[in-house]
PDB file of all heavy atoms in Angstrom:
ATOM      1  N   GLY A   1      -1.949   9.584 -22.222  1.00  0.00           N
ATOM      2  CA  GLY A   1      -0.758   9.068 -22.940  1.00  0.00           C
ATOM      3  C   GLY A   1      -0.433   7.680 -22.622  1.00  0.00           C
ATOM      4  O   GLY A   1      -1.227   6.940 -21.997  1.00  0.00           O
ATOM      5  N   SER A   2       0.661   7.202 -23.114  1.00  0.00           N
ATOM      6  CA  SER A   2       1.090   5.803 -22.993  1.00  0.00           C
ATOM      7  C   SER A   2       2.564   5.645 -22.540  1.00  0.00           C
ATOM      8  O   SER A   2       3.383   6.559 -22.854  1.00  0.00           O
ATOM      9  CB  SER A   2       0.906   5.069 -24.433  1.00  0.00           C
ATOM     10  OG  SER A   2      -0.420   5.090 -24.780  1.00  0.00           O
ATOM     11  N   LEU A   3       2.856   4.580 -21.874  1.00  0.00           N
ATOM     12  CA  LEU A   3       4.171   4.115 -21.523  1.00  0.00           C
ATOM     13  C   LEU A   3       4.191   2.633 -21.647  1.00  0.00           C
ATOM     14  O   LEU A   3       3.263   1.912 -21.518  1.00  0.00           O
ATOM     15  CB  LEU A   3       4.527   4.549 -20.133  1.00  0.00           C
ATOM     16  CG  LEU A   3       4.844   5.994 -19.839  1.00  0.00           C
ATOM     17  CD1 LEU A   3       4.990   6.309 -18.253  1.00  0.00           C
ATOM     18  CD2 LEU A   3       6.089   6.475 -20.486  1.00  0.00           C
ATOM     19  N   ARG A   4       5.463   2.215 -21.913  1.00  0.00           N
ATOM     20  CA  ARG A   4       5.677   0.835 -21.962  1.00  0.00           C
ATOM     21  C   ARG A   4       6.810   0.350 -21.014  1.00  0.00           C
ATOM     22  O   ARG A   4       7.927   0.868 -21.158  1.00  0.00           O
ATOM     23  CB  ARG A   4       6.096   0.391 -23.428  1.00  0.00           C
ATOM     24  CG  ARG A   4       6.317  -1.086 -23.601  1.00  0.00           C
ATOM     25  CD  ARG A   4       6.560  -1.435 -25.052  1.00  0.00           C
ATOM     26  NE  ARG A   4       6.972  -2.790 -25.302  1.00  0.00           N
ATOM     27  CZ  ARG A   4       6.055  -3.807 -25.559  1.00  0.00           C
ATOM     28  NH1 ARG A   4       4.795  -3.576 -25.519  1.00  0.00           N
ATOM     29  NH2 ARG A   4       6.596  -5.003 -25.720  1.00  0.00           N
ATOM     30  N   LEU A   5       6.540  -0.399 -19.983  1.00  0.00           N
ATOM     31  CA  LEU A   5       7.428  -0.841 -19.019  1.00  0.00           C
ATOM     32  C   LEU A   5       8.017  -2.197 -19.489  1.00  0.00           C
ATOM     33  O   LEU A   5       7.245  -3.038 -20.072  1.00  0.00           O
ATOM     34  CB  LEU A   5       6.871  -1.050 -17.683  1.00  0.00           C
ATOM     35  CG  LEU A   5       6.074   0.219 -17.062  1.00  0.00           C
ATOM     36  CD1 LEU A   5       5.647  -0.092 -15.692  1.00  0.00           C
ATOM     37  CD2 LEU A   5       7.027   1.468 -17.064  1.00  0.00           C
ATOM     38  N   SER A   6       9.317  -2.447 -19.218  1.00  0.00           N
ATOM     39  CA  SER A   6       9.852  -3.622 -19.490  1.00  0.00           C
ATOM     40  C   SER A   6      10.701  -4.215 -18.236  1.00  0.00           C
ATOM     41  O   SER A   6      11.198  -3.425 -17.486  1.00  0.00           O
ATOM     42  CB  SER A   6      10.915  -3.620 -20.644  1.00  0.00           C
ATOM     43  OG  SER A   6      10.150  -3.133 -21.846  1.00  0.00           O
ATOM     44  N   CYS A   7      10.689  -5.476 -18.204  1.00  0.00           N
ATOM     45  CA  CYS A   7      11.450  -6.146 -17.041  1.00  0.00           C
ATOM     46  C   CYS A   7      12.143  -7.387 -17.626  1.00  0.00           C
ATOM     47  O   CYS A   7      11.516  -8.323 -18.087  1.00  0.00           O
ATOM     48  CB  CYS A   7      10.526  -6.413 -15.934  1.00  0.00           C
ATOM     49  SG  CYS A   7      11.268  -7.374 -14.560  1.00  0.00           S
ATOM     50  N   ALA A   8      13.485  -7.344 -17.515  1.00  0.00           N
ATOM     51  CA  ALA A   8      14.185  -8.493 -17.959  1.00  0.00           C
ATOM     52  C   ALA A   8      14.808  -9.189 -16.819  1.00  0.00           C
ATOM     53  O   ALA A   8      15.495  -8.674 -15.885  1.00  0.00           O
ATOM     54  CB  ALA A   8      15.357  -7.976 -18.913  1.00  0.00           C
ATOM     55  N   ALA A   9      14.602 -10.549 -16.771  1.00  0.00           N
ATOM     56  CA  ALA A   9      15.216 -11.437 -15.785  1.00  0.00           C
ATOM     57  C   ALA A   9      16.419 -12.135 -16.267  1.00  0.00           C
ATOM     58  O   ALA A   9      16.418 -12.634 -17.475  1.00  0.00           O
ATOM     59  CB  ALA A   9      14.130 -12.461 -15.324  1.00  0.00           C
ATOM     60  N   SER A  10      17.354 -12.310 -15.376  1.00  0.00           N
ATOM     61  CA  SER A  10      18.558 -13.012 -15.851  1.00  0.00           C
ATOM     62  C   SER A  10      19.107 -13.705 -14.572  1.00  0.00           C
ATOM     63  O   SER A  10      18.683 -13.394 -13.439  1.00  0.00           O
ATOM     64  CB  SER A  10      19.653 -12.045 -16.334  1.00  0.00           C
ATOM     65  OG  SER A  10      20.032 -11.114 -15.406  1.00  0.00           O
ATOM     66  N   GLY A  11      19.922 -14.681 -14.821  1.00  0.00           N
ATOM     67  CA  GLY A  11      20.552 -15.444 -13.698  1.00  0.00           C
ATOM     68  C   GLY A  11      20.182 -16.871 -13.830  1.00  0.00           C
ATOM     69  O   GLY A  11      19.877 -17.411 -14.831  1.00  0.00           O
ATOM     70  N   ARG A  12      20.286 -17.624 -12.777  1.00  0.00           N
ATOM     71  CA  ARG A  12      20.079 -19.051 -12.644  1.00  0.00           C
ATOM     72  C   ARG A  12      18.677 -19.296 -12.613  1.00  0.00           C
ATOM     73  O   ARG A  12      18.128 -19.458 -11.499  1.00  0.00           O
ATOM     74  CB  ARG A  12      20.941 -19.656 -11.598  1.00  0.00           C
ATOM     75  CG  ARG A  12      22.437 -19.447 -11.728  1.00  0.00           C
ATOM     76  CD  ARG A  12      23.253 -20.055 -10.584  1.00  0.00           C
ATOM     77  NE  ARG A  12      24.636 -19.958 -10.806  1.00  0.00           N
ATOM     78  CZ  ARG A  12      25.611 -20.406  -9.985  1.00  0.00           C
ATOM     79  NH1 ARG A  12      25.187 -21.053  -8.883  1.00  0.00           N
ATOM     80  NH2 ARG A  12      26.840 -20.183 -10.250  1.00  0.00           N
ATOM     81  N   ILE A  13      17.998 -19.481 -13.726  1.00  0.00           N
ATOM     82  CA  ILE A  13      16.539 -19.777 -13.781  1.00  0.00           C
ATOM     83  C   ILE A  13      16.402 -21.062 -14.574  1.00  0.00           C
ATOM     84  O   ILE A  13      16.890 -21.263 -15.732  1.00  0.00           O
ATOM     85  CB  ILE A  13      15.879 -18.641 -14.517  1.00  0.00           C
ATOM     86  CG1 ILE A  13      16.103 -17.283 -13.704  1.00  0.00           C
ATOM     87  CG2 ILE A  13      14.379 -18.944 -14.606  1.00  0.00           C
ATOM     88  CD1 ILE A  13      15.589 -16.085 -14.496  1.00  0.00           C
ATOM     89  N   PHE A  14      15.633 -21.965 -14.025  1.00  0.00           N
ATOM     90  CA  PHE A  14      15.208 -23.157 -14.671  1.00  0.00           C
ATOM     91  C   PHE A  14      14.045 -22.811 -15.651  1.00  0.00           C
ATOM     92  O   PHE A  14      13.964 -23.240 -16.767  1.00  0.00           O
ATOM     93  CB  PHE A  14      14.891 -24.273 -13.733  1.00  0.00           C
ATOM     94  CG  PHE A  14      14.435 -25.599 -14.483  1.00  0.00           C
ATOM     95  CD1 PHE A  14      15.355 -26.374 -14.950  1.00  0.00           C
ATOM     96  CD2 PHE A  14      13.073 -25.890 -14.590  1.00  0.00           C
ATOM     97  CE1 PHE A  14      14.989 -27.542 -15.697  1.00  0.00           C
ATOM     98  CE2 PHE A  14      12.669 -26.975 -15.231  1.00  0.00           C
ATOM     99  CZ  PHE A  14      13.645 -27.863 -15.793  1.00  0.00           C
ATOM    100  N   SER A  15      13.136 -22.127 -15.032  1.00  0.00           N
ATOM    101  CA  SER A  15      11.934 -21.710 -15.882  1.00  0.00           C
ATOM    102  C   SER A  15      11.188 -20.628 -15.055  1.00  0.00           C
ATOM    103  O   SER A  15      11.399 -20.462 -13.820  1.00  0.00           O
ATOM    104  CB  SER A  15      10.885 -22.873 -16.113  1.00  0.00           C
ATOM    105  OG  SER A  15      10.369 -23.393 -14.907  1.00  0.00           O
ATOM    106  N   ILE A  16      10.405 -19.846 -15.823  1.00  0.00           N
ATOM    107  CA  ILE A  16       9.643 -18.753 -15.279  1.00  0.00           C
ATOM    108  C   ILE A  16       8.198 -19.181 -15.173  1.00  0.00           C
ATOM    109  O   ILE A  16       7.682 -19.500 -16.209  1.00  0.00           O
ATOM    110  CB  ILE A  16       9.862 -17.434 -15.956  1.00  0.00           C
ATOM    111  CG1 ILE A  16      11.279 -16.998 -15.928  1.00  0.00           C
ATOM    112  CG2 ILE A  16       8.930 -16.348 -15.484  1.00  0.00           C
ATOM    113  CD1 ILE A  16      11.493 -15.685 -16.608  1.00  0.00           C
ATOM    114  N   ASN A  17       7.663 -19.178 -13.946  1.00  0.00           N
ATOM    115  CA  ASN A  17       6.267 -19.604 -13.823  1.00  0.00           C
ATOM    116  C   ASN A  17       5.329 -18.555 -14.043  1.00  0.00           C
ATOM    117  O   ASN A  17       4.203 -18.677 -14.548  1.00  0.00           O
ATOM    118  CB  ASN A  17       6.073 -20.228 -12.463  1.00  0.00           C
ATOM    119  CG  ASN A  17       6.858 -21.422 -12.218  1.00  0.00           C
ATOM    120  OD1 ASN A  17       7.059 -22.291 -13.115  1.00  0.00           O
ATOM    121  ND2 ASN A  17       7.334 -21.630 -11.040  1.00  0.00           N
ATOM    122  N   ALA A  18       5.708 -17.274 -13.679  1.00  0.00           N
ATOM    123  CA  ALA A  18       4.793 -16.106 -13.819  1.00  0.00           C
ATOM    124  C   ALA A  18       5.644 -14.919 -13.752  1.00  0.00           C
ATOM    125  O   ALA A  18       6.671 -14.774 -13.009  1.00  0.00           O
ATOM    126  CB  ALA A  18       3.749 -16.176 -12.670  1.00  0.00           C
ATOM    127  N   MET A  19       5.184 -13.870 -14.446  1.00  0.00           N
ATOM    128  CA  MET A  19       5.697 -12.536 -14.372  1.00  0.00           C
ATOM    129  C   MET A  19       4.629 -11.556 -14.181  1.00  0.00           C
ATOM    130  O   MET A  19       3.652 -11.684 -14.862  1.00  0.00           O
ATOM    131  CB  MET A  19       6.613 -12.239 -15.613  1.00  0.00           C
ATOM    132  CG  MET A  19       7.644 -13.295 -15.892  1.00  0.00           C
ATOM    133  SD  MET A  19       8.733 -12.807 -17.313  1.00  0.00           S
ATOM    134  CE  MET A  19       9.855 -11.669 -16.530  1.00  0.00           C
ATOM    135  N   GLY A  20       4.855 -10.555 -13.366  1.00  0.00           N
ATOM    136  CA  GLY A  20       3.789  -9.606 -13.223  1.00  0.00           C
ATOM    137  C   GLY A  20       4.320  -8.212 -12.873  1.00  0.00           C
ATOM    138  O   GLY A  20       5.483  -8.064 -12.578  1.00  0.00           O
ATOM    139  N   TRP A  21       3.445  -7.343 -12.678  1.00  0.00           N
ATOM    140  CA  TRP A  21       3.598  -5.968 -12.267  1.00  0.00           C
ATOM    141  C   TRP A  21       2.721  -5.596 -11.103  1.00  0.00           C
ATOM    142  O   TRP A  21       1.559  -5.822 -11.083  1.00  0.00           O
ATOM    143  CB  TRP A  21       3.451  -4.954 -13.437  1.00  0.00           C
ATOM    144  CG  TRP A  21       4.310  -5.192 -14.536  1.00  0.00           C
ATOM    145  CD1 TRP A  21       4.160  -5.914 -15.683  1.00  0.00           C
ATOM    146  CD2 TRP A  21       5.682  -4.444 -14.663  1.00  0.00           C
ATOM    147  NE1 TRP A  21       5.258  -5.798 -16.538  1.00  0.00           N
ATOM    148  CE2 TRP A  21       6.172  -4.982 -15.951  1.00  0.00           C
ATOM    149  CE3 TRP A  21       6.401  -3.635 -13.859  1.00  0.00           C
ATOM    150  CZ2 TRP A  21       7.457  -4.527 -16.353  1.00  0.00           C
ATOM    151  CZ3 TRP A  21       7.656  -3.246 -14.337  1.00  0.00           C
ATOM    152  CH2 TRP A  21       8.190  -3.616 -15.535  1.00  0.00           C
ATOM    153  N   TYR A  22       3.361  -5.058 -10.151  1.00  0.00           N
ATOM    154  CA  TYR A  22       2.668  -4.457  -8.970  1.00  0.00           C
ATOM    155  C   TYR A  22       2.944  -2.934  -8.943  1.00  0.00           C
ATOM    156  O   TYR A  22       3.953  -2.534  -9.493  1.00  0.00           O
ATOM    157  CB  TYR A  22       3.118  -5.098  -7.707  1.00  0.00           C
ATOM    158  CG  TYR A  22       2.677  -6.537  -7.476  1.00  0.00           C
ATOM    159  CD1 TYR A  22       3.315  -7.544  -8.218  1.00  0.00           C
ATOM    160  CD2 TYR A  22       1.771  -6.923  -6.531  1.00  0.00           C
ATOM    161  CE1 TYR A  22       2.922  -8.874  -8.071  1.00  0.00           C
ATOM    162  CE2 TYR A  22       1.358  -8.225  -6.387  1.00  0.00           C
ATOM    163  CZ  TYR A  22       1.994  -9.185  -7.177  1.00  0.00           C
ATOM    164  OH  TYR A  22       1.580 -10.482  -7.022  1.00  0.00           O
ATOM    165  N   ARG A  23       2.145  -2.230  -8.240  1.00  0.00           N
ATOM    166  CA  ARG A  23       2.410  -0.800  -8.077  1.00  0.00           C
ATOM    167  C   ARG A  23       2.001  -0.301  -6.671  1.00  0.00           C
ATOM    168  O   ARG A  23       1.201  -0.918  -6.026  1.00  0.00           O
ATOM    169  CB  ARG A  23       1.670   0.044  -9.155  1.00  0.00           C
ATOM    170  CG  ARG A  23       0.154   0.074  -8.961  1.00  0.00           C
ATOM    171  CD  ARG A  23      -0.518   0.784 -10.107  1.00  0.00           C
ATOM    172  NE  ARG A  23      -1.995   0.861 -10.067  1.00  0.00           N
ATOM    173  CZ  ARG A  23      -2.741   1.319 -10.956  1.00  0.00           C
ATOM    174  NH1 ARG A  23      -2.330   1.745 -12.046  1.00  0.00           N
ATOM    175  NH2 ARG A  23      -4.110   1.340 -10.787  1.00  0.00           N
ATOM    176  N   GLN A  24       2.701   0.721  -6.257  1.00  0.00           N
ATOM    177  CA  GLN A  24       2.447   1.219  -4.948  1.00  0.00           C
ATOM    178  C   GLN A  24       2.445   2.822  -5.159  1.00  0.00           C
ATOM    179  O   GLN A  24       3.441   3.359  -5.407  1.00  0.00           O
ATOM    180  CB  GLN A  24       3.435   0.794  -3.994  1.00  0.00           C
ATOM    181  CG  GLN A  24       3.134   1.247  -2.483  1.00  0.00           C
ATOM    182  CD  GLN A  24       3.955   0.488  -1.503  1.00  0.00           C
ATOM    183  OE1 GLN A  24       5.034  -0.012  -1.801  1.00  0.00           O
ATOM    184  NE2 GLN A  24       3.484   0.521  -0.258  1.00  0.00           N
ATOM    185  N   ALA A  25       1.330   3.348  -4.821  1.00  0.00           N
ATOM    186  CA  ALA A  25       1.172   4.808  -4.802  1.00  0.00           C
ATOM    187  C   ALA A  25       1.344   5.349  -3.388  1.00  0.00           C
ATOM    188  O   ALA A  25       1.171   4.551  -2.397  1.00  0.00           O
ATOM    189  CB  ALA A  25      -0.172   5.251  -5.346  1.00  0.00           C
ATOM    190  N   PRO A  26       1.660   6.617  -3.218  1.00  0.00           N
ATOM    191  CA  PRO A  26       1.938   7.220  -1.931  1.00  0.00           C
ATOM    192  C   PRO A  26       0.684   6.912  -1.070  1.00  0.00           C
ATOM    193  O   PRO A  26      -0.404   7.207  -1.365  1.00  0.00           O
ATOM    194  CB  PRO A  26       2.157   8.629  -2.217  1.00  0.00           C
ATOM    195  CG  PRO A  26       2.674   8.668  -3.609  1.00  0.00           C
ATOM    196  CD  PRO A  26       1.983   7.525  -4.387  1.00  0.00           C
ATOM    197  N   GLY A  27       0.916   6.390   0.171  1.00  0.00           N
ATOM    198  CA  GLY A  27      -0.118   6.191   1.115  1.00  0.00           C
ATOM    199  C   GLY A  27      -1.042   4.965   0.830  1.00  0.00           C
ATOM    200  O   GLY A  27      -2.024   4.881   1.528  1.00  0.00           O
ATOM    201  N   LYS A  28      -0.695   4.237  -0.175  1.00  0.00           N
ATOM    202  CA  LYS A  28      -1.420   3.048  -0.495  1.00  0.00           C
ATOM    203  C   LYS A  28      -0.687   1.760  -0.418  1.00  0.00           C
ATOM    204  O   LYS A  28       0.545   1.802  -0.427  1.00  0.00           O
ATOM    205  CB  LYS A  28      -2.151   3.217  -1.940  1.00  0.00           C
ATOM    206  CG  LYS A  28      -3.066   4.454  -2.054  1.00  0.00           C
ATOM    207  CD  LYS A  28      -3.662   4.437  -3.456  1.00  0.00           C
ATOM    208  CE  LYS A  28      -4.632   5.602  -3.536  1.00  0.00           C
ATOM    209  NZ  LYS A  28      -5.242   5.698  -4.902  1.00  0.00           N
ATOM    210  N   GLN A  29      -1.410   0.697  -0.297  1.00  0.00           N
ATOM    211  CA  GLN A  29      -0.817  -0.585  -0.341  1.00  0.00           C
ATOM    212  C   GLN A  29      -0.374  -0.951  -1.762  1.00  0.00           C
ATOM    213  O   GLN A  29      -0.891  -0.555  -2.782  1.00  0.00           O
ATOM    214  CB  GLN A  29      -1.810  -1.690   0.180  1.00  0.00           C
ATOM    215  CG  GLN A  29      -2.202  -1.494   1.582  1.00  0.00           C
ATOM    216  CD  GLN A  29      -1.032  -1.733   2.619  1.00  0.00           C
ATOM    217  OE1 GLN A  29      -0.340  -2.690   2.387  1.00  0.00           O
ATOM    218  NE2 GLN A  29      -0.909  -0.970   3.628  1.00  0.00           N
ATOM    219  N   ARG A  30       0.674  -1.803  -1.767  1.00  0.00           N
ATOM    220  CA  ARG A  30       1.106  -2.392  -3.029  1.00  0.00           C
ATOM    221  C   ARG A  30       0.033  -3.279  -3.618  1.00  0.00           C
ATOM    222  O   ARG A  30      -0.581  -4.063  -2.914  1.00  0.00           O
ATOM    223  CB  ARG A  30       2.408  -3.135  -2.934  1.00  0.00           C
ATOM    224  CG  ARG A  30       3.021  -3.607  -4.267  1.00  0.00           C
ATOM    225  CD  ARG A  30       4.377  -4.150  -4.045  1.00  0.00           C
ATOM    226  NE  ARG A  30       5.339  -3.219  -3.521  1.00  0.00           N
ATOM    227  CZ  ARG A  30       6.637  -3.425  -3.346  1.00  0.00           C
ATOM    228  NH1 ARG A  30       7.099  -4.595  -3.727  1.00  0.00           N
ATOM    229  NH2 ARG A  30       7.403  -2.489  -2.754  1.00  0.00           N
ATOM    230  N   GLU A  31      -0.358  -3.122  -4.897  1.00  0.00           N
ATOM    231  CA  GLU A  31      -1.345  -3.944  -5.478  1.00  0.00           C
ATOM    232  C   GLU A  31      -0.949  -4.594  -6.823  1.00  0.00           C
ATOM    233  O   GLU A  31      -0.084  -4.012  -7.511  1.00  0.00           O
ATOM    234  CB  GLU A  31      -2.612  -3.055  -5.760  1.00  0.00           C
ATOM    235  CG  GLU A  31      -2.382  -1.936  -6.807  1.00  0.00           C
ATOM    236  CD  GLU A  31      -3.594  -1.185  -7.195  1.00  0.00           C
ATOM    237  OE1 GLU A  31      -4.695  -1.667  -6.871  1.00  0.00           O
ATOM    238  OE2 GLU A  31      -3.430  -0.162  -7.806  1.00  0.00           O
ATOM    239  N   LEU A  32      -1.474  -5.687  -7.053  1.00  0.00           N
ATOM    240  CA  LEU A  32      -1.247  -6.349  -8.389  1.00  0.00           C
ATOM    241  C   LEU A  32      -1.910  -5.573  -9.470  1.00  0.00           C
ATOM    242  O   LEU A  32      -3.038  -5.203  -9.436  1.00  0.00           O
ATOM    243  CB  LEU A  32      -1.792  -7.767  -8.347  1.00  0.00           C
ATOM    244  CG  LEU A  32      -1.762  -8.552  -9.667  1.00  0.00           C
ATOM    245  CD1 LEU A  32      -0.215  -8.851  -9.958  1.00  0.00           C
ATOM    246  CD2 LEU A  32      -2.517  -9.794  -9.545  1.00  0.00           C
ATOM    247  N   VAL A  33      -1.131  -5.292 -10.565  1.00  0.00           N
ATOM    248  CA  VAL A  33      -1.567  -4.542 -11.708  1.00  0.00           C
ATOM    249  C   VAL A  33      -1.897  -5.584 -12.788  1.00  0.00           C
ATOM    250  O   VAL A  33      -3.028  -5.565 -13.323  1.00  0.00           O
ATOM    251  CB  VAL A  33      -0.624  -3.571 -12.202  1.00  0.00           C
ATOM    252  CG1 VAL A  33      -1.102  -2.916 -13.472  1.00  0.00           C
ATOM    253  CG2 VAL A  33      -0.253  -2.546 -11.096  1.00  0.00           C
ATOM    254  N   ALA A  34      -1.005  -6.503 -13.179  1.00  0.00           N
ATOM    255  CA  ALA A  34      -1.113  -7.394 -14.222  1.00  0.00           C
ATOM    256  C   ALA A  34      -0.121  -8.546 -14.026  1.00  0.00           C
ATOM    257  O   ALA A  34       0.984  -8.238 -13.594  1.00  0.00           O
ATOM    258  CB  ALA A  34      -0.990  -6.810 -15.620  1.00  0.00           C
ATOM    259  N   ARG A  35      -0.555  -9.708 -14.506  1.00  0.00           N
ATOM    260  CA  ARG A  35       0.483 -10.807 -14.434  1.00  0.00           C
ATOM    261  C   ARG A  35       0.238 -11.735 -15.614  1.00  0.00           C
ATOM    262  O   ARG A  35      -1.006 -11.739 -16.085  1.00  0.00           O
ATOM    263  CB  ARG A  35       0.366 -11.545 -13.091  1.00  0.00           C
ATOM    264  CG  ARG A  35      -0.916 -12.287 -12.835  1.00  0.00           C
ATOM    265  CD  ARG A  35      -0.961 -12.965 -11.559  1.00  0.00           C
ATOM    266  NE  ARG A  35      -2.240 -13.561 -11.258  1.00  0.00           N
ATOM    267  CZ  ARG A  35      -2.590 -14.166 -10.193  1.00  0.00           C
ATOM    268  NH1 ARG A  35      -1.778 -14.202  -9.152  1.00  0.00           N
ATOM    269  NH2 ARG A  35      -3.876 -14.625  -9.988  1.00  0.00           N
ATOM    270  N   ILE A  36       1.170 -12.545 -16.016  1.00  0.00           N
ATOM    271  CA  ILE A  36       1.033 -13.456 -16.996  1.00  0.00           C
ATOM    272  C   ILE A  36       1.712 -14.760 -16.591  1.00  0.00           C
ATOM    273  O   ILE A  36       2.878 -14.629 -16.062  1.00  0.00           O
ATOM    274  CB  ILE A  36       1.534 -12.944 -18.422  1.00  0.00           C
ATOM    275  CG1 ILE A  36       1.279 -13.979 -19.476  1.00  0.00           C
ATOM    276  CG2 ILE A  36       2.970 -12.570 -18.290  1.00  0.00           C
ATOM    277  CD1 ILE A  36       1.527 -13.371 -20.843  1.00  0.00           C
ATOM    278  N   VAL A  37       1.106 -15.905 -16.696  1.00  0.00           N
ATOM    279  CA  VAL A  37       1.687 -17.172 -16.279  1.00  0.00           C
ATOM    280  C   VAL A  37       2.299 -17.873 -17.463  1.00  0.00           C
ATOM    281  O   VAL A  37       2.187 -17.470 -18.616  1.00  0.00           O
ATOM    282  CB  VAL A  37       0.665 -17.996 -15.547  1.00  0.00           C
ATOM    283  CG1 VAL A  37       0.112 -17.309 -14.328  1.00  0.00           C
ATOM    284  CG2 VAL A  37      -0.529 -18.379 -16.494  1.00  0.00           C
ATOM    285  N   SER A  38       2.962 -18.961 -17.206  1.00  0.00           N
ATOM    286  CA  SER A  38       3.677 -19.624 -18.215  1.00  0.00           C
ATOM    287  C   SER A  38       2.829 -20.149 -19.312  1.00  0.00           C
ATOM    288  O   SER A  38       3.325 -20.289 -20.458  1.00  0.00           O
ATOM    289  CB  SER A  38       4.463 -20.882 -17.564  1.00  0.00           C
ATOM    290  OG  SER A  38       3.566 -21.776 -16.961  1.00  0.00           O
ATOM    291  N   GLY A  39       1.560 -20.495 -19.017  1.00  0.00           N
ATOM    292  CA  GLY A  39       0.602 -20.921 -20.094  1.00  0.00           C
ATOM    293  C   GLY A  39       0.048 -19.826 -20.941  1.00  0.00           C
ATOM    294  O   GLY A  39      -0.639 -20.066 -21.838  1.00  0.00           O
TER     295      GLY A  39
END
């Protein structure tokens, strides 16, 4: 199946350099899943 995650940033931000997703499964280290940079 499929899921769509969303993350909205708010506050005092001049610019966003990068946004990404990490995940942590039980008993495992947090890992980078995906990221997107300003470019």
